[in-house]
N, C-alpha and C. Protein backbone atom coordinates (compact mmCIF):
# COMPACT_ATOMS: atom_id res chain seq x y z
N MET A 1 9.03 -2.06 1.03
CA MET A 1 10.23 -0.90 1.23
C MET A 1 10.20 -0.80 -0.69
N THR A 2 9.60 -1.83 -1.09
CA THR A 2 9.86 -1.84 -2.59
C THR A 2 8.47 -0.90 -3.19
N LEU A 3 7.91 -1.33 -2.52
CA LEU A 3 6.36 -0.78 -2.54
C LEU A 3 6.57 0.92 -2.88
N LEU A 4 6.43 1.00 -1.23
CA LEU A 4 7.19 2.39 -0.89
C LEU A 4 7.67 3.79 -1.70
N ASN A 5 8.85 3.22 -2.37
CA ASN A 5 9.10 3.23 -3.61
C ASN A 5 8.59 3.27 -4.92
N ASP A 6 7.53 3.05 -5.13
CA ASP A 6 6.82 2.29 -6.15
C ASP A 6 5.84 3.21 -6.42
N PRO A 7 6.03 4.75 -7.42
CA PRO A 7 4.97 5.74 -8.08
C PRO A 7 3.19 5.49 -7.95
N ASP A 8 3.48 4.23 -8.75
CA ASP A 8 2.21 3.28 -8.91
C ASP A 8 1.55 2.81 -7.86
N CYS A 9 2.19 2.41 -6.61
CA CYS A 9 1.63 2.02 -4.97
C CYS A 9 0.61 2.47 -5.33
N GLY A 10 -0.54 2.32 -4.78
CA GLY A 10 -1.60 3.03 -3.98
C GLY A 10 -1.79 3.24 -2.33
N MET A 11 -2.26 4.17 -2.03
CA MET A 11 -2.66 3.90 -0.46
C MET A 11 -3.24 2.64 -0.24
N SER A 12 -4.32 2.42 -0.94
CA SER A 12 -4.97 0.72 -0.65
C SER A 12 -4.36 -0.56 -0.89
N VAL A 13 -2.98 -0.04 -1.07
CA VAL A 13 -2.08 -1.96 -1.55
C VAL A 13 -1.26 -1.64 -0.38
N LEU A 14 -0.79 -0.64 0.21
CA LEU A 14 -0.45 -0.43 1.78
C LEU A 14 -0.85 -0.35 2.64
N SER A 15 -2.27 0.02 3.02
CA SER A 15 -3.48 -0.68 3.79
C SER A 15 -3.78 -1.39 4.18
N ASP A 16 -4.34 -2.70 2.59
CA ASP A 16 -4.36 -4.03 2.89
C ASP A 16 -3.03 -4.35 3.29
N ILE A 17 -1.56 -4.47 3.31
CA ILE A 17 -0.55 -5.59 3.61
C ILE A 17 0.14 -4.61 4.86
N ILE A 18 -0.31 -4.01 5.41
CA ILE A 18 -0.07 -2.98 7.06
C ILE A 18 -1.15 -4.24 7.46
N ARG A 19 -2.33 -4.28 7.56
CA ARG A 19 -3.74 -4.83 7.92
C ARG A 19 -3.25 -6.22 7.92
N HIS A 20 -2.95 -6.57 6.94
CA HIS A 20 -2.41 -8.22 7.22
C HIS A 20 -1.14 -8.58 8.16
N GLU A 21 -0.13 -7.48 8.46
CA GLU A 21 0.87 -8.49 8.58
C GLU A 21 1.09 -7.77 10.21
N PRO A 22 0.68 -8.52 11.46
CA PRO A 22 0.59 -7.63 12.34
C PRO A 22 1.88 -7.56 12.75
N ALA A 23 3.21 -7.62 12.82
CA ALA A 23 4.00 -7.41 13.36
C ALA A 23 5.13 -6.14 12.50
N LEU A 24 4.58 -5.84 11.89
CA LEU A 24 4.51 -4.71 10.97
C LEU A 24 3.59 -3.40 12.08
N THR A 25 2.72 -3.73 11.62
CA THR A 25 1.56 -2.67 12.41
C THR A 25 2.21 -2.09 13.71
N VAL A 26 2.66 -3.41 14.69
CA VAL A 26 3.48 -3.03 15.81
C VAL A 26 4.50 -1.92 15.88
N ASN A 27 5.46 -2.06 15.01
CA ASN A 27 6.32 -1.24 14.78
C ASN A 27 6.44 0.03 13.72
N LEU A 28 5.24 -0.28 13.37
CA LEU A 28 5.10 1.30 12.49
C LEU A 28 4.08 2.10 14.01
N LEU A 29 3.28 1.45 14.60
CA LEU A 29 2.39 2.43 15.95
C LEU A 29 3.51 2.96 16.79
N LYS A 30 4.65 2.06 17.02
CA LYS A 30 5.60 1.56 17.68
C LYS A 30 6.55 3.39 17.45
N LEU A 31 6.70 4.20 16.49
CA LEU A 31 7.39 5.33 15.77
C LEU A 31 6.79 5.54 15.74
N ALA A 32 4.82 5.49 15.36
CA ALA A 32 4.03 6.44 15.17
C ALA A 32 4.37 7.03 16.80
N ASN A 33 4.26 6.15 17.78
CA ASN A 33 4.39 6.96 18.93
C ASN A 33 5.22 7.66 20.31
N SER A 34 6.25 7.24 18.78
CA SER A 34 7.04 7.22 19.61
C SER A 34 8.05 9.00 19.89
N ALA A 35 9.24 9.74 21.21
CA ALA A 35 8.71 10.81 20.78
C ALA A 35 9.61 11.60 20.24
N TYR A 36 10.88 10.96 19.27
CA TYR A 36 11.51 11.14 18.11
C TYR A 36 10.96 11.27 16.99
N PHE A 37 10.39 9.89 16.14
CA PHE A 37 9.89 10.10 15.33
C PHE A 37 8.09 9.72 15.22
N GLY A 38 7.79 10.75 16.26
CA GLY A 38 6.23 11.02 16.24
C GLY A 38 5.95 11.90 15.44
N LEU A 39 3.91 12.00 15.20
CA LEU A 39 3.66 13.19 14.68
C LEU A 39 3.82 14.36 15.87
N PRO A 40 4.04 15.85 15.59
CA PRO A 40 4.47 17.21 16.80
C PRO A 40 2.86 17.25 17.25
N GLY A 41 2.80 16.77 18.41
CA GLY A 41 1.19 17.63 19.10
C GLY A 41 1.21 18.13 20.22
N LYS A 42 -0.24 18.71 20.65
CA LYS A 42 -0.65 19.82 21.84
C LYS A 42 0.41 19.55 22.73
N ASN A 43 1.08 20.46 23.26
CA ASN A 43 1.77 20.46 24.51
C ASN A 43 0.55 21.14 25.13
N GLU A 44 0.18 20.43 26.45
CA GLU A 44 -1.34 20.31 27.35
C GLU A 44 -0.68 21.02 28.63
């Protein structure tokens, strides 16, 4: 959370953390795929 609030923190730093922390990756994927927090998509 500290890095997310740091304006000098780049995406490469965040991607390195996500890449090496499996538990964090799982939680991010759960949020991204959830109906409540997910990204809007096409309704087919």
